[in-house]
Amino acid sequence: KNSTLILVDGDELLLKNINSIKLSFSNKIINRIIFNKSRYWEHLKGKF
């Protein structure tokens, strides 16, 4: 309970006395403008 480290997009947070953690989709969203739908696959191939 006292040795659990939470990382949020890589940023570390140490909380004490954790009983449970519930994870789900958030009600918050962000929007991103896309100019080329096929760019995802190009990125995936090109980057990895």
ModelCIF file with pLDDT and N, C-alpha, C, O atoms, coordinates in Angstrom:
data_MODEL
#
_entry.id   MODEL 
#
_entity.id                         1 
_entity.type                       polymer 
_entity.pdbx_number_of_molecules   1 
#
_entity_poly.entity_id                      1 
_entity_poly.type                           'polypeptide(L)' 
_entity_poly.nstd_linkage                   no 
_entity_poly.nstd_monomer                   no 
_entity_poly.pdbx_seq_one_letter_code       KNSTLILVDGDELLLKNINSIKLSFSNKIINRIIFNKSRYWEHLKGKF 
_entity_poly.pdbx_seq_one_letter_code_can   KNSTLILVDGDELLLKNINSIKLSFSNKIINRIIFNKSRYWEHLKGKF 
_entity_poly.pdbx_strand_id                 A 
#
loop_
_entity_poly_seq.entity_id 
_entity_poly_seq.num 
_entity_poly_seq.mon_id 
_entity_poly_seq.hetero 
1 1  LYS n 
1 2  ASN n 
1 3  SER n 
1 4  THR n 
1 5  LEU n 
1 6  ILE n 
1 7  LEU n 
1 8  VAL n 
1 9  ASP n 
1 10 GLY n 
1 11 ASP n 
1 12 GLU n 
1 13 LEU n 
1 14 LEU n 
1 15 LEU n 
1 16 LYS n 
1 17 ASN n 
1 18 ILE n 
1 19 ASN n 
1 20 SER n 
1 21 ILE n 
1 22 LYS n 
1 23 LEU n 
1 24 SER n 
1 25 PHE n 
1 26 SER n 
1 27 ASN n 
1 28 LYS n 
1 29 ILE n 
1 30 ILE n 
1 31 ASN n 
1 32 ARG n 
1 33 ILE n 
1 34 ILE n 
1 35 PHE n 
1 36 ASN n 
1 37 LYS n 
1 38 SER n 
1 39 ARG n 
1 40 TYR n 
1 41 TRP n 
1 42 GLU n 
1 43 HIS n 
1 44 LEU n 
1 45 LYS n 
1 46 GLY n 
1 47 LYS n 
1 48 PHE n 
#
_struct_asym.id          A 
_struct_asym.entity_id   1 
#
loop_
_ma_qa_metric.id 
_ma_qa_metric.mode 
_ma_qa_metric.name 
_ma_qa_metric.software_group_id 
_ma_qa_metric.type 
1 global pLDDT . pLDDT 
2 local  pLDDT . pLDDT 
#
_ma_qa_metric_global.metric_id      1 
_ma_qa_metric_global.metric_value   86.52 
_ma_qa_metric_global.model_id       1 
_ma_qa_metric_global.ordinal_id     1 
#
loop_
_ma_qa_metric_local.label_asym_id 
_ma_qa_metric_local.label_comp_id 
_ma_qa_metric_local.label_seq_id 
_ma_qa_metric_local.metric_id 
_ma_qa_metric_local.metric_value 
_ma_qa_metric_local.model_id 
_ma_qa_metric_local.ordinal_id 
A LYS 1  2 67.00 1 1  
A ASN 2  2 72.00 1 2  
A SER 3  2 76.00 1 3  
A THR 4  2 87.00 1 4  
A LEU 5  2 92.00 1 5  
A ILE 6  2 95.00 1 6  
A LEU 7  2 96.00 1 7  
A VAL 8  2 96.00 1 8  
A ASP 9  2 95.00 1 9  
A GLY 10 2 91.00 1 10 
A ASP 11 2 93.00 1 11 
A GLU 12 2 93.00 1 12 
A LEU 13 2 91.00 1 13 
A LEU 14 2 88.00 1 14 
A LEU 15 2 86.00 1 15 
A LYS 16 2 85.00 1 16 
A ASN 17 2 88.00 1 17 
A ILE 18 2 92.00 1 18 
A ASN 19 2 93.00 1 19 
A SER 20 2 95.00 1 20 
A ILE 21 2 97.00 1 21 
A LYS 22 2 98.00 1 22 
A LEU 23 2 98.00 1 23 
A SER 24 2 98.00 1 24 
A PHE 25 2 97.00 1 25 
A SER 26 2 97.00 1 26 
A ASN 27 2 95.00 1 27 
A LYS 28 2 95.00 1 28 
A ILE 29 2 95.00 1 29 
A ILE 30 2 95.00 1 30 
A ASN 31 2 95.00 1 31 
A ARG 32 2 93.00 1 32 
A ILE 33 2 92.00 1 33 
A ILE 34 2 90.00 1 34 
A PHE 35 2 87.00 1 35 
A ASN 36 2 80.00 1 36 
A LYS 37 2 73.00 1 37 
A SER 38 2 71.00 1 38 
A ARG 39 2 74.00 1 39 
A TYR 40 2 76.00 1 40 
A TRP 41 2 79.00 1 41 
A GLU 42 2 73.00 1 42 
A HIS 43 2 71.00 1 43 
A LEU 44 2 78.00 1 44 
A LYS 45 2 76.00 1 45 
A GLY 46 2 69.00 1 46 
A LYS 47 2 68.00 1 47 
A PHE 48 2 72.00 1 48 
#
loop_
_atom_site.group_PDB 
_atom_site.id 
_atom_site.type_symbol 
_atom_site.label_atom_id 
_atom_site.label_alt_id 
_atom_site.label_comp_id 
_atom_site.label_asym_id 
_atom_site.label_entity_id 
_atom_site.label_seq_id 
_atom_site.pdbx_PDB_ins_code 
_atom_site.Cartn_x 
_atom_site.Cartn_y 
_atom_site.Cartn_z 
_atom_site.occupancy 
_atom_site.B_iso_or_equiv 
_atom_site.pdbx_formal_charge 
_atom_site.auth_seq_id 
_atom_site.auth_comp_id 
_atom_site.auth_asym_id 
_atom_site.auth_atom_id 
_atom_site.pdbx_PDB_model_num 
ATOM 1   N N  . LYS A 1 1  ? 0.815   -1.220 0.000   1.00 67.00 ? 1  LYS A N  1 
ATOM 2   C CA . LYS A 1 1  ? 0.000   0.000  0.000   1.00 67.00 ? 1  LYS A CA 1 
ATOM 3   C C  . LYS A 1 1  ? 0.848   1.270  0.000   1.00 67.00 ? 1  LYS A C  1 
ATOM 4   O O  . LYS A 1 1  ? 0.432   2.297  -0.536  1.00 67.00 ? 1  LYS A O  1 
ATOM 5   N N  . ASN A 1 2  ? 2.022   1.202  0.594   1.00 72.00 ? 2  ASN A N  1 
ATOM 6   C CA . ASN A 1 2  ? 2.879   2.390  0.705   1.00 72.00 ? 2  ASN A CA 1 
ATOM 7   C C  . ASN A 1 2  ? 4.091   2.334  -0.212  1.00 72.00 ? 2  ASN A C  1 
ATOM 8   O O  . ASN A 1 2  ? 5.029   3.113  -0.042  1.00 72.00 ? 2  ASN A O  1 
ATOM 9   N N  . SER A 1 3  ? 4.087   1.437  -1.170  1.00 76.00 ? 3  SER A N  1 
ATOM 10  C CA . SER A 1 3  ? 5.237   1.350  -2.080  1.00 76.00 ? 3  SER A CA 1 
ATOM 11  C C  . SER A 1 3  ? 4.764   1.280  -3.525  1.00 76.00 ? 3  SER A C  1 
ATOM 12  O O  . SER A 1 3  ? 5.323   0.554  -4.347  1.00 76.00 ? 3  SER A O  1 
ATOM 13  N N  . THR A 1 4  ? 3.714   2.058  -3.816  1.00 87.00 ? 4  THR A N  1 
ATOM 14  C CA . THR A 1 4  ? 3.135   2.070  -5.161  1.00 87.00 ? 4  THR A CA 1 
ATOM 15  C C  . THR A 1 4  ? 3.426   3.397  -5.840  1.00 87.00 ? 4  THR A C  1 
ATOM 16  O O  . THR A 1 4  ? 3.118   4.461  -5.305  1.00 87.00 ? 4  THR A O  1 
ATOM 17  N N  . LEU A 1 5  ? 4.021   3.326  -7.022  1.00 92.00 ? 5  LEU A N  1 
ATOM 18  C CA . LEU A 1 5  ? 4.389   4.508  -7.799  1.00 92.00 ? 5  LEU A CA 1 
ATOM 19  C C  . LEU A 1 5  ? 3.447   4.632  -8.996  1.00 92.00 ? 5  LEU A C  1 
ATOM 20  O O  . LEU A 1 5  ? 3.261   3.676  -9.749  1.00 92.00 ? 5  LEU A O  1 
ATOM 21  N N  . ILE A 1 6  ? 2.856   5.811  -9.164  1.00 95.00 ? 6  ILE A N  1 
ATOM 22  C CA . ILE A 1 6  ? 1.956   6.068  -10.288 1.00 95.00 ? 6  ILE A CA 1 
ATOM 23  C C  . ILE A 1 6  ? 2.687   6.931  -11.300 1.00 95.00 ? 6  ILE A C  1 
ATOM 24  O O  . ILE A 1 6  ? 3.252   7.962  -10.935 1.00 95.00 ? 6  ILE A O  1 
ATOM 25  N N  . LEU A 1 7  ? 2.686   6.527  -12.568 1.00 96.00 ? 7  LEU A N  1 
ATOM 26  C CA . LEU A 1 7  ? 3.289   7.317  -13.637 1.00 96.00 ? 7  LEU A CA 1 
ATOM 27  C C  . LEU A 1 7  ? 2.187   7.749  -14.600 1.00 96.00 ? 7  LEU A C  1 
ATOM 28  O O  . LEU A 1 7  ? 1.472   6.915  -15.154 1.00 96.00 ? 7  LEU A O  1 
ATOM 29  N N  . VAL A 1 8  ? 2.059   9.051  -14.792 1.00 96.00 ? 8  VAL A N  1 
ATOM 30  C CA . VAL A 1 8  ? 1.040   9.630  -15.669 1.00 96.00 ? 8  VAL A CA 1 
ATOM 31  C C  . VAL A 1 8  ? 1.752   10.221 -16.880 1.00 96.00 ? 8  VAL A C  1 
ATOM 32  O O  . VAL A 1 8  ? 2.384   11.274 -16.787 1.00 96.00 ? 8  VAL A O  1 
ATOM 33  N N  . ASP A 1 9  ? 1.646   9.540  -18.008 1.00 95.00 ? 9  ASP A N  1 
ATOM 34  C CA . ASP A 1 9  ? 2.413   9.949  -19.203 1.00 95.00 ? 9  ASP A CA 1 
ATOM 35  C C  . ASP A 1 9  ? 3.885   10.169 -18.858 1.00 95.00 ? 9  ASP A C  1 
ATOM 36  O O  . ASP A 1 9  ? 4.524   11.094 -19.361 1.00 95.00 ? 9  ASP A O  1 
ATOM 37  N N  . GLY A 1 10 ? 4.411   9.300  -17.990 1.00 91.00 ? 10 GLY A N  1 
ATOM 38  C CA . GLY A 1 10 ? 5.824   9.342  -17.640 1.00 91.00 ? 10 GLY A CA 1 
ATOM 39  C C  . GLY A 1 10 ? 6.173   10.157 -16.415 1.00 91.00 ? 10 GLY A C  1 
ATOM 40  O O  . GLY A 1 10 ? 7.271   10.014 -15.878 1.00 91.00 ? 10 GLY A O  1 
ATOM 41  N N  . ASP A 1 11 ? 5.262   11.015 -15.953 1.00 93.00 ? 11 ASP A N  1 
ATOM 42  C CA . ASP A 1 11 ? 5.515   11.819 -14.757 1.00 93.00 ? 11 ASP A CA 1 
ATOM 43  C C  . ASP A 1 11 ? 5.182   11.004 -13.513 1.00 93.00 ? 11 ASP A C  1 
ATOM 44  O O  . ASP A 1 11 ? 4.098   10.429 -13.416 1.00 93.00 ? 11 ASP A O  1 
ATOM 45  N N  . GLU A 1 12 ? 6.115   10.954 -12.561 1.00 93.00 ? 12 GLU A N  1 
ATOM 46  C CA . GLU A 1 12 ? 5.970   10.099 -11.396 1.00 93.00 ? 12 GLU A CA 1 
ATOM 47  C C  . GLU A 1 12 ? 5.207   10.776 -10.263 1.00 93.00 ? 12 GLU A C  1 
ATOM 48  O O  . GLU A 1 12 ? 5.340   11.978 -10.031 1.00 93.00 ? 12 GLU A O  1 
ATOM 49  N N  . LEU A 1 13 ? 4.399   9.969  -9.561  1.00 91.00 ? 13 LEU A N  1 
ATOM 50  C CA . LEU A 1 13 ? 3.662   10.439 -8.395  1.00 91.00 ? 13 LEU A CA 1 
ATOM 51  C C  . LEU A 1 13 ? 3.632   9.305  -7.378  1.00 91.00 ? 13 LEU A C  1 
ATOM 52  O O  . LEU A 1 13 ? 3.192   8.196  -7.683  1.00 91.00 ? 13 LEU A O  1 
ATOM 53  N N  . LEU A 1 14 ? 4.104   9.592  -6.170  1.00 88.00 ? 14 LEU A N  1 
ATOM 54  C CA . LEU A 1 14 ? 4.111   8.596  -5.094  1.00 88.00 ? 14 LEU A CA 1 
ATOM 55  C C  . LEU A 1 14 ? 3.015   8.946  -4.104  1.00 88.00 ? 14 LEU A C  1 
ATOM 56  O O  . LEU A 1 14 ? 3.033   10.018 -3.500  1.00 88.00 ? 14 LEU A O  1 
ATOM 57  N N  . LEU A 1 15 ? 2.063   8.041  -3.940  1.00 86.00 ? 15 LEU A N  1 
ATOM 58  C CA . LEU A 1 15 ? 0.963   8.244  -2.995  1.00 86.00 ? 15 LEU A CA 1 
ATOM 59  C C  . LEU A 1 15 ? 1.029   7.174  -1.915  1.00 86.00 ? 15 LEU A C  1 
ATOM 60  O O  . LEU A 1 15 ? 1.387   6.026  -2.178  1.00 86.00 ? 15 LEU A O  1 
ATOM 61  N N  . LYS A 1 16 ? 0.680   7.565  -0.704  1.00 85.00 ? 16 LYS A N  1 
ATOM 62  C CA . LYS A 1 16 ? 0.721   6.660  0.442   1.00 85.00 ? 16 LYS A CA 1 
ATOM 63  C C  . LYS A 1 16 ? -0.661  6.067  0.712   1.00 85.00 ? 16 LYS A C  1 
ATOM 64  O O  . LYS A 1 16 ? -1.687  6.656  0.372   1.00 85.00 ? 16 LYS A O  1 
ATOM 65  N N  . ASN A 1 17 ? -0.657  4.898  1.327   1.00 88.00 ? 17 ASN A N  1 
ATOM 66  C CA . ASN A 1 17 ? -1.885  4.253  1.810   1.00 88.00 ? 17 ASN A CA 1 
ATOM 67  C C  . ASN A 1 17 ? -2.926  4.066  0.709   1.00 88.00 ? 17 ASN A C  1 
ATOM 68  O O  . ASN A 1 17 ? -4.096  4.400  0.896   1.00 88.00 ? 17 ASN A O  1 
ATOM 69  N N  . ILE A 1 18 ? -2.502  3.533  -0.437  1.00 92.00 ? 18 ILE A N  1 
ATOM 70  C CA . ILE A 1 18 ? -3.428  3.288  -1.536  1.00 92.00 ? 18 ILE A CA 1 
ATOM 71  C C  . ILE A 1 18 ? -4.235  2.021  -1.265  1.00 92.00 ? 18 ILE A C  1 
ATOM 72  O O  . ILE A 1 18 ? -3.675  0.957  -1.004  1.00 92.00 ? 18 ILE A O  1 
ATOM 73  N N  . ASN A 1 19 ? -5.546  2.152  -1.329  1.00 93.00 ? 19 ASN A N  1 
ATOM 74  C CA . ASN A 1 19 ? -6.431  1.000  -1.159  1.00 93.00 ? 19 ASN A CA 1 
ATOM 75  C C  . ASN A 1 19 ? -6.815  0.369  -2.494  1.00 93.00 ? 19 ASN A C  1 
ATOM 76  O O  . ASN A 1 19 ? -6.867  -0.855 -2.615  1.00 93.00 ? 19 ASN A O  1 
ATOM 77  N N  . SER A 1 20 ? -7.085  1.204  -3.495  1.00 95.00 ? 20 SER A N  1 
ATOM 78  C CA . SER A 1 20 ? -7.431  0.683  -4.816  1.00 95.00 ? 20 SER A CA 1 
ATOM 79  C C  . SER A 1 20 ? -7.258  1.775  -5.860  1.00 95.00 ? 20 SER A C  1 
ATOM 80  O O  . SER A 1 20 ? -7.232  2.965  -5.548  1.00 95.00 ? 20 SER A O  1 
ATOM 81  N N  . ILE A 1 21 ? -7.141  1.334  -7.114  1.00 97.00 ? 21 ILE A N  1 
ATOM 82  C CA . ILE A 1 21 ? -7.019  2.239  -8.259  1.00 97.00 ? 21 ILE A CA 1 
ATOM 83  C C  . ILE A 1 21 ? -8.003  1.768  -9.314  1.00 97.00 ? 21 ILE A C  1 
ATOM 84  O O  . ILE A 1 21 ? -7.955  0.611  -9.734  1.00 97.00 ? 21 ILE A O  1 
ATOM 85  N N  . LYS A 1 22 ? -8.899  2.653  -9.751  1.00 98.00 ? 22 LYS A N  1 
ATOM 86  C CA . LYS A 1 22 ? -9.865  2.317  -10.795 1.00 98.00 ? 22 LYS A CA 1 
ATOM 87  C C  . LYS A 1 22 ? -9.514  3.093  -12.063 1.00 98.00 ? 22 LYS A C  1 
ATOM 88  O O  . LYS A 1 22 ? -9.388  4.318  -12.039 1.00 98.00 ? 22 LYS A O  1 
ATOM 89  N N  . LEU A 1 23 ? -9.358  2.374  -13.156 1.00 98.00 ? 23 LEU A N  1 
ATOM 90  C CA . LEU A 1 23 ? -8.951  2.977  -14.422 1.00 98.00 ? 23 LEU A CA 1 
ATOM 91  C C  . LEU A 1 23 ? -10.024 2.761  -15.473 1.00 98.00 ? 23 LEU A C  1 
ATOM 92  O O  . LEU A 1 23 ? -10.568 1.666  -15.620 1.00 98.00 ? 23 LEU A O  1 
ATOM 93  N N  . SER A 1 24 ? -10.318 3.831  -16.202 1.00 98.00 ? 24 SER A N  1 
ATOM 94  C CA . SER A 1 24 ? -11.341 3.783  -17.246 1.00 98.00 ? 24 SER A CA 1 
ATOM 95  C C  . SER A 1 24 ? -11.096 4.950  -18.196 1.00 98.00 ? 24 SER A C  1 
ATOM 96  O O  . SER A 1 24 ? -10.194 5.762  -17.985 1.00 98.00 ? 24 SER A O  1 
ATOM 97  N N  . PHE A 1 25 ? -11.912 5.021  -19.245 1.00 97.00 ? 25 PHE A N  1 
ATOM 98  C CA . PHE A 1 25 ? -11.844 6.194  -20.099 1.00 97.00 ? 25 PHE A CA 1 
ATOM 99  C C  . PHE A 1 25 ? -12.356 7.410  -19.347 1.00 97.00 ? 25 PHE A C  1 
ATOM 100 O O  . PHE A 1 25 ? -13.307 7.315  -18.571 1.00 97.00 ? 25 PHE A O  1 
ATOM 101 N N  . SER A 1 26 ? -11.724 8.548  -19.579 1.00 97.00 ? 26 SER A N  1 
ATOM 102 C CA . SER A 1 26 ? -12.125 9.805  -18.962 1.00 97.00 ? 26 SER A CA 1 
ATOM 103 C C  . SER A 1 26 ? -13.274 10.434 -19.738 1.00 97.00 ? 26 SER A C  1 
ATOM 104 O O  . SER A 1 26 ? -13.480 10.136 -20.915 1.00 97.00 ? 26 SER A O  1 
ATOM 105 N N  . ASN A 1 27 ? -14.016 11.301 -19.069 1.00 95.00 ? 27 ASN A N  1 
ATOM 106 C CA . ASN A 1 27 ? -15.022 12.114 -19.759 1.00 95.00 ? 27 ASN A CA 1 
ATOM 107 C C  . ASN A 1 27 ? -14.366 13.217 -20.582 1.00 95.00 ? 27 ASN A C  1 
ATOM 108 O O  . ASN A 1 27 ? -14.984 13.773 -21.491 1.00 95.00 ? 27 ASN A O  1 
ATOM 109 N N  . LYS A 1 28 ? -13.119 13.530 -20.263 1.00 95.00 ? 28 LYS A N  1 
ATOM 110 C CA . LYS A 1 28 ? -12.390 14.547 -21.010 1.00 95.00 ? 28 LYS A CA 1 
ATOM 111 C C  . LYS A 1 28 ? -11.875 13.953 -22.327 1.00 95.00 ? 28 LYS A C  1 
ATOM 112 O O  . LYS A 1 28 ? -11.563 12.764 -22.405 1.00 95.00 ? 28 LYS A O  1 
ATOM 113 N N  . ILE A 1 29 ? -11.794 14.779 -23.331 1.00 95.00 ? 29 ILE A N  1 
ATOM 114 C CA . ILE A 1 29 ? -11.201 14.394 -24.609 1.00 95.00 ? 29 ILE A CA 1 
ATOM 115 C C  . ILE A 1 29 ? -10.330 15.542 -25.102 1.00 95.00 ? 29 ILE A C  1 
ATOM 116 O O  . ILE A 1 29 ? -10.413 16.660 -24.595 1.00 95.00 ? 29 ILE A O  1 
ATOM 117 N N  . ILE A 1 30 ? -9.509  15.259 -26.078 1.00 95.00 ? 30 ILE A N  1 
ATOM 118 C CA . ILE A 1 30 ? -8.835  16.330 -26.813 1.00 95.00 ? 30 ILE A CA 1 
ATOM 119 C C  . ILE A 1 30 ? -9.061  16.095 -28.302 1.00 95.00 ? 30 ILE A C  1 
ATOM 120 O O  . ILE A 1 30 ? -9.291  14.967 -28.737 1.00 95.00 ? 30 ILE A O  1 
ATOM 121 N N  . ASN A 1 31 ? -8.995  17.169 -29.071 1.00 95.00 ? 31 ASN A N  1 
ATOM 122 C CA . ASN A 1 31 ? -9.221  17.107 -30.514 1.00 95.00 ? 31 ASN A CA 1 
ATOM 123 C C  . ASN A 1 31 ? -7.935  17.434 -31.253 1.00 95.00 ? 31 ASN A C  1 
ATOM 124 O O  . ASN A 1 31 ? -7.184  18.326 -30.856 1.00 95.00 ? 31 ASN A O  1 
ATOM 125 N N  . ARG A 1 32 ? -7.697  16.715 -32.311 1.00 93.00 ? 32 ARG A N  1 
ATOM 126 C CA . ARG A 1 32 ? -6.488  16.918 -33.101 1.00 93.00 ? 32 ARG A CA 1 
ATOM 127 C C  . ARG A 1 32 ? -6.853  17.028 -34.576 1.00 93.00 ? 32 ARG A C  1 
ATOM 128 O O  . ARG A 1 32 ? -7.623  16.221 -35.097 1.00 93.00 ? 32 ARG A O  1 
ATOM 129 N N  . ILE A 1 33 ? -6.299  18.021 -35.236 1.00 92.00 ? 33 ILE A N  1 
ATOM 130 C CA . ILE A 1 33 ? -6.541  18.204 -36.664 1.00 92.00 ? 33 ILE A CA 1 
ATOM 131 C C  . ILE A 1 33 ? -5.659  17.256 -37.468 1.00 92.00 ? 33 ILE A C  1 
ATOM 132 O O  . ILE A 1 33 ? -4.458  17.144 -37.225 1.00 92.00 ? 33 ILE A O  1 
ATOM 133 N N  . ILE A 1 34 ? -6.277  16.580 -38.427 1.00 90.00 ? 34 ILE A N  1 
ATOM 134 C CA . ILE A 1 34 ? -5.581  15.604 -39.266 1.00 90.00 ? 34 ILE A CA 1 
ATOM 135 C C  . ILE A 1 34 ? -5.701  16.024 -40.725 1.00 90.00 ? 34 ILE A C  1 
ATOM 136 O O  . ILE A 1 34 ? -6.794  16.329 -41.203 1.00 90.00 ? 34 ILE A O  1 
ATOM 137 N N  . PHE A 1 35 ? -4.578  16.039 -41.426 1.00 87.00 ? 35 PHE A N  1 
ATOM 138 C CA . PHE A 1 35 ? -4.586  16.402 -42.846 1.00 87.00 ? 35 PHE A CA 1 
ATOM 139 C C  . PHE A 1 35 ? -4.454  15.184 -43.767 1.00 87.00 ? 35 PHE A C  1 
ATOM 140 O O  . PHE A 1 35 ? -4.744  15.267 -44.960 1.00 87.00 ? 35 PHE A O  1 
ATOM 141 N N  . ASN A 1 36 ? -4.017  14.066 -43.208 1.00 80.00 ? 36 ASN A N  1 
ATOM 142 C CA . ASN A 1 36 ? -3.815  12.876 -44.033 1.00 80.00 ? 36 ASN A CA 1 
ATOM 143 C C  . ASN A 1 36 ? -4.090  11.640 -43.180 1.00 80.00 ? 36 ASN A C  1 
ATOM 144 O O  . ASN A 1 36 ? -3.279  11.273 -42.328 1.00 80.00 ? 36 ASN A O  1 
ATOM 145 N N  . LYS A 1 37 ? -5.249  10.993 -43.415 1.00 73.00 ? 37 LYS A N  1 
ATOM 146 C CA . LYS A 1 37 ? -5.627  9.830  -42.614 1.00 73.00 ? 37 LYS A CA 1 
ATOM 147 C C  . LYS A 1 37 ? -4.618  8.698  -42.738 1.00 73.00 ? 37 LYS A C  1 
ATOM 148 O O  . LYS A 1 37 ? -4.413  7.947  -41.784 1.00 73.00 ? 37 LYS A O  1 
ATOM 149 N N  . SER A 1 38 ? -3.988  8.566  -43.894 1.00 71.00 ? 38 SER A N  1 
ATOM 150 C CA . SER A 1 38 ? -3.021  7.478  -44.083 1.00 71.00 ? 38 SER A CA 1 
ATOM 151 C C  . SER A 1 38 ? -1.686  7.774  -43.405 1.00 71.00 ? 38 SER A C  1 
ATOM 152 O O  . SER A 1 38 ? -0.815  6.906  -43.348 1.00 71.00 ? 38 SER A O  1 
ATOM 153 N N  . ARG A 1 39 ? -1.519  8.999  -42.889 1.00 74.00 ? 39 ARG A N  1 
ATOM 154 C CA . ARG A 1 39 ? -0.262  9.365  -42.233 1.00 74.00 ? 39 ARG A CA 1 
ATOM 155 C C  . ARG A 1 39 ? 0.006   8.473  -41.018 1.00 74.00 ? 39 ARG A C  1 
ATOM 156 O O  . ARG A 1 39 ? 1.163   8.261  -40.657 1.00 74.00 ? 39 ARG A O  1 
ATOM 157 N N  . TYR A 1 40 ? -1.050  7.949  -40.385 1.00 76.00 ? 40 TYR A N  1 
ATOM 158 C CA . TYR A 1 40 ? -0.851  7.072  -39.226 1.00 76.00 ? 40 TYR A CA 1 
ATOM 159 C C  . TYR A 1 40 ? 0.006   5.870  -39.606 1.00 76.00 ? 40 TYR A C  1 
ATOM 160 O O  . TYR A 1 40 ? 0.964   5.533  -38.909 1.00 76.00 ? 40 TYR A O  1 
ATOM 161 N N  . TRP A 1 41 ? -0.346  5.225  -40.720 1.00 79.00 ? 41 TRP A N  1 
ATOM 162 C CA . TRP A 1 41 ? 0.397   4.027  -41.119 1.00 79.00 ? 41 TRP A CA 1 
ATOM 163 C C  . TRP A 1 41 ? 1.789   4.395  -41.618 1.00 79.00 ? 41 TRP A C  1 
ATOM 164 O O  . TRP A 1 41 ? 2.740   3.639  -41.421 1.00 79.00 ? 41 TRP A O  1 
ATOM 165 N N  . GLU A 1 42 ? 1.909   5.543  -42.256 1.00 73.00 ? 42 GLU A N  1 
ATOM 166 C CA . GLU A 1 42 ? 3.233   6.012  -42.675 1.00 73.00 ? 42 GLU A CA 1 
ATOM 167 C C  . GLU A 1 42 ? 4.105   6.265  -41.454 1.00 73.00 ? 42 GLU A C  1 
ATOM 168 O O  . GLU A 1 42 ? 5.281   5.900  -41.437 1.00 73.00 ? 42 GLU A O  1 
ATOM 169 N N  . HIS A 1 43 ? 3.522   6.894  -40.424 1.00 71.00 ? 43 HIS A N  1 
ATOM 170 C CA . HIS A 1 43 ? 4.248   7.153  -39.180 1.00 71.00 ? 43 HIS A CA 1 
ATOM 171 C C  . HIS A 1 43 ? 4.662   5.840  -38.535 1.00 71.00 ? 43 HIS A C  1 
ATOM 172 O O  . HIS A 1 43 ? 5.805   5.691  -38.103 1.00 71.00 ? 43 HIS A O  1 
ATOM 173 N N  . LEU A 1 44 ? 3.742   4.891  -38.469 1.00 78.00 ? 44 LEU A N  1 
ATOM 174 C CA . LEU A 1 44 ? 4.021   3.632  -37.811 1.00 78.00 ? 44 LEU A CA 1 
ATOM 175 C C  . LEU A 1 44 ? 5.186   2.917  -38.493 1.00 78.00 ? 44 LEU A C  1 
ATOM 176 O O  . LEU A 1 44 ? 6.082   2.401  -37.825 1.00 78.00 ? 44 LEU A O  1 
ATOM 177 N N  . LYS A 1 45 ? 5.169   2.891  -39.814 1.00 76.00 ? 45 LYS A N  1 
ATOM 178 C CA . LYS A 1 45 ? 6.251   2.246  -40.541 1.00 76.00 ? 45 LYS A CA 1 
ATOM 179 C C  . LYS A 1 45 ? 7.543   3.055  -40.435 1.00 76.00 ? 45 LYS A C  1 
ATOM 180 O O  . LYS A 1 45 ? 8.612   2.500  -40.182 1.00 76.00 ? 45 LYS A O  1 
ATOM 181 N N  . GLY A 1 46 ? 7.436   4.370  -40.629 1.00 69.00 ? 46 GLY A N  1 
ATOM 182 C CA . GLY A 1 46 ? 8.623   5.221  -40.639 1.00 69.00 ? 46 GLY A CA 1 
ATOM 183 C C  . GLY A 1 46 ? 9.319   5.349  -39.299 1.00 69.00 ? 46 GLY A C  1 
ATOM 184 O O  . GLY A 1 46 ? 10.542  5.474  -39.240 1.00 69.00 ? 46 GLY A O  1 
ATOM 185 N N  . LYS A 1 47 ? 8.544   5.319  -38.219 1.00 68.00 ? 47 LYS A N  1 
ATOM 186 C CA . LYS A 1 47 ? 9.131   5.532  -36.889 1.00 68.00 ? 47 LYS A CA 1 
ATOM 187 C C  . LYS A 1 47 ? 9.623   4.246  -36.234 1.00 68.00 ? 47 LYS A C  1 
ATOM 188 O O  . LYS A 1 47 ? 10.551  4.272  -35.426 1.00 68.00 ? 47 LYS A O  1 
ATOM 189 N N  . PHE A 1 48 ? 8.995   3.112  -36.584 1.00 72.00 ? 48 PHE A N  1 
ATOM 190 C CA . PHE A 1 48 ? 9.284   1.891  -35.843 1.00 72.00 ? 48 PHE A CA 1 
ATOM 191 C C  . PHE A 1 48 ? 9.853   0.743  -36.677 1.00 72.00 ? 48 PHE A C  1 
ATOM 192 O O  . PHE A 1 48 ? 10.131  -0.330 -36.141 1.00 72.00 ? 48 PHE A O  1 
#
